[in-house]
Amino acid sequence: MVDVDKGNPLVTLKGRRSDEVVGWFRSRPQEELARVEVGVLDMSKTYASALKDLFGESVQGIDRFPGVPLAVHALDEVLRSVQKQLATEEAKALKKLRRRWLQSANQLTGDELIARSEWRRRFPPLREMIDWGQDVRRWFERT
């Protein structure tokens, strides 16, 4: 949570549970809550629900990074499509690598880079999806 006027973080919540978000807000003084106009959150239903529970329709929720969840969803669709073409064990191996597909190359080990390269070579739709995901990542990393 950030004080937009001052640009200072107010709190970083580690969990993704609605009761944690609601609890933090309810611990704040009423005059502070009365100043809230907009909630900036991800597309999590948990956060949107907490915001609505706390403020009703008086506070608008917006998503700072709408492209990220969409990119992950699109990647998952491609992965499911590729998994259907594989034997069970190979499909499981592909699923285990899921979280690595959107990571940048410098976040991967040598073996992970080789594995990603091999999957990209074998499945052009997966290659296109990984490349697109990397483009999304680079866009968000811009300053």
Protein backbone atom coordinates (compact mmCIF):
# COMPACT_ATOMS: atom_id res chain seq x y z
CA MET A 1 0.00 0.00 0.00
CA VAL A 2 1.38 3.42 -0.93
CA ASP A 3 0.53 6.98 0.03
CA VAL A 4 0.20 8.34 -3.50
CA ASP A 5 0.51 11.98 -2.41
CA LYS A 6 3.85 11.35 -0.70
CA GLY A 7 4.99 8.32 -2.73
CA ASN A 8 5.81 6.48 0.48
CA PRO A 9 4.96 2.85 1.15
CA LEU A 10 2.44 2.44 3.95
CA VAL A 11 2.62 -1.33 4.25
CA THR A 12 3.57 -4.43 2.29
CA LEU A 13 1.30 -7.36 2.99
CA LYS A 14 3.00 -10.74 2.60
CA GLY A 15 -0.16 -12.81 2.28
CA ARG A 16 -2.86 -12.84 -0.34
CA ARG A 17 -5.81 -13.41 1.97
CA SER A 18 -8.71 -11.01 2.15
CA ASP A 19 -8.82 -11.05 5.95
CA GLU A 20 -5.19 -9.80 6.09
CA VAL A 21 -6.02 -6.84 3.86
CA VAL A 22 -9.26 -6.07 5.70
CA GLY A 23 -7.54 -6.45 9.09
CA TRP A 24 -4.79 -4.00 8.17
CA PHE A 25 -7.27 -1.39 6.96
CA ARG A 26 -9.50 -1.84 9.99
CA SER A 27 -6.50 -1.22 12.25
CA ARG A 28 -6.12 2.27 10.76
CA PRO A 29 -7.73 5.43 12.18
CA GLN A 30 -11.08 6.36 10.63
CA GLU A 31 -9.76 9.76 9.44
CA GLU A 32 -7.05 7.93 7.48
CA LEU A 33 -9.59 5.59 5.87
CA ALA A 34 -11.76 8.56 4.93
CA ARG A 35 -8.91 9.82 2.72
CA VAL A 36 -8.81 6.68 0.58
CA GLU A 37 -10.08 7.38 -2.91
CA VAL A 38 -8.49 4.70 -5.08
CA GLY A 39 -7.10 1.25 -4.40
CA VAL A 40 -4.27 0.15 -6.69
CA LEU A 41 -4.13 -3.64 -6.75
CA ASP A 42 -3.49 -6.59 -8.96
CA MET A 43 -6.33 -8.50 -10.63
CA SER A 44 -6.67 -10.71 -7.58
CA LYS A 45 -10.29 -11.38 -6.68
CA THR A 46 -9.13 -11.43 -3.06
CA TYR A 47 -7.92 -7.84 -3.11
CA ALA A 48 -10.87 -6.57 -5.14
CA SER A 49 -13.26 -8.27 -2.71
CA ALA A 50 -11.47 -6.80 0.31
CA LEU A 51 -11.58 -3.32 -1.19
CA LYS A 52 -15.30 -3.62 -1.88
CA ASP A 53 -15.98 -5.03 1.61
CA LEU A 54 -14.13 -2.13 3.19
CA PHE A 55 -15.25 0.79 1.08
CA GLY A 56 -18.24 -0.33 -0.98
CA GLU A 57 -18.61 1.69 -4.16
CA SER A 58 -16.95 4.82 -2.70
CA VAL A 59 -13.41 3.65 -3.56
CA GLN A 60 -12.44 2.69 -7.08
CA GLY A 61 -10.07 -0.23 -7.61
CA ILE A 62 -7.61 -0.09 -10.48
CA ASP A 63 -4.99 -2.54 -11.70
CA ARG A 64 -1.50 -1.23 -12.28
CA PHE A 65 -0.34 -4.24 -14.25
CA PRO A 66 -3.27 -5.73 -16.17
CA GLY A 67 -0.97 -7.26 -18.76
CA VAL A 68 0.86 -9.56 -16.37
CA PRO A 69 -2.11 -11.76 -15.34
CA LEU A 70 -3.23 -11.83 -18.97
CA ALA A 71 0.24 -12.94 -20.08
CA VAL A 72 0.30 -15.69 -17.47
CA HIS A 73 -3.18 -16.85 -18.49
CA ALA A 74 -2.17 -16.92 -22.17
CA LEU A 75 0.98 -18.86 -21.32
CA ASP A 76 -1.07 -21.38 -19.34
CA GLU A 77 -3.36 -21.90 -22.34
CA VAL A 78 -0.38 -22.61 -24.60
CA LEU A 79 1.18 -24.92 -22.01
CA ARG A 80 -2.05 -26.91 -21.73
CA SER A 81 -2.20 -27.20 -25.50
CA VAL A 82 1.38 -28.50 -25.64
CA GLN A 83 0.85 -30.86 -22.69
CA LYS A 84 -2.01 -32.54 -24.55
CA GLN A 85 0.49 -33.55 -27.23
CA LEU A 86 2.86 -35.22 -24.74
CA ALA A 87 3.12 -38.48 -22.87
CA THR A 88 2.20 -38.23 -19.19
CA GLU A 89 5.74 -38.04 -17.79
CA GLU A 90 6.84 -35.44 -20.30
CA ALA A 91 3.70 -33.38 -19.65
CA LYS A 92 4.54 -33.42 -15.92
CA ALA A 93 8.09 -32.29 -16.66
CA LEU A 94 6.75 -29.39 -18.72
CA LYS A 95 4.36 -28.40 -15.95
CA LYS A 96 7.20 -28.32 -13.40
CA LEU A 97 8.97 -25.72 -15.55
CA ARG A 98 5.93 -23.42 -15.75
CA ARG A 99 7.16 -20.72 -13.39
CA ARG A 100 10.40 -20.41 -15.35
CA TRP A 101 8.83 -19.51 -18.69
CA LEU A 102 8.32 -15.84 -17.82
CA GLN A 103 11.60 -15.41 -15.97
CA SER A 104 14.41 -13.54 -17.65
CA ALA A 105 17.45 -15.52 -18.76
CA ASN A 106 19.63 -14.16 -15.94
CA GLN A 107 17.23 -15.70 -13.38
CA LEU A 108 17.68 -19.23 -14.74
CA THR A 109 20.36 -21.83 -14.19
CA GLY A 110 22.27 -23.25 -17.13
CA ASP A 111 20.17 -26.42 -17.08
CA GLU A 112 16.95 -24.39 -17.00
CA LEU A 113 18.10 -22.31 -19.98
CA ILE A 114 18.92 -25.48 -21.93
CA ALA A 115 15.53 -27.02 -21.05
CA ARG A 116 13.68 -23.85 -22.06
CA SER A 117 15.62 -23.72 -25.31
CA GLU A 118 14.74 -27.33 -26.10
CA TRP A 119 11.00 -26.79 -25.40
CA ARG A 120 11.07 -23.65 -27.56
CA ARG A 121 12.69 -25.57 -30.42
CA ARG A 122 10.15 -28.39 -30.29
CA PHE A 123 6.99 -26.29 -29.96
CA PRO A 124 6.77 -23.04 -31.99
CA PRO A 125 3.61 -21.84 -30.14
CA LEU A 126 5.49 -22.19 -26.85
CA ARG A 127 8.46 -20.32 -28.34
CA GLU A 128 6.17 -17.48 -29.44
CA MET A 129 4.53 -17.36 -26.03
CA ILE A 130 7.87 -17.29 -24.17
CA ASP A 131 9.14 -14.52 -26.45
CA TRP A 132 5.97 -12.52 -25.94
CA GLY A 133 6.22 -13.03 -22.17
CA GLN A 134 9.79 -11.76 -22.25
CA ASP A 135 8.63 -8.70 -24.18
CA VAL A 136 5.99 -8.04 -21.50
CA ARG A 137 8.63 -8.49 -18.78
CA ARG A 138 11.02 -6.03 -20.47
CA TRP A 139 8.22 -3.49 -20.85
CA PHE A 140 7.44 -3.60 -17.13
CA GLU A 141 11.10 -3.40 -16.17
CA ARG A 142 11.48 -0.07 -17.98
CA THR A 143 12.03 2.96 -15.80
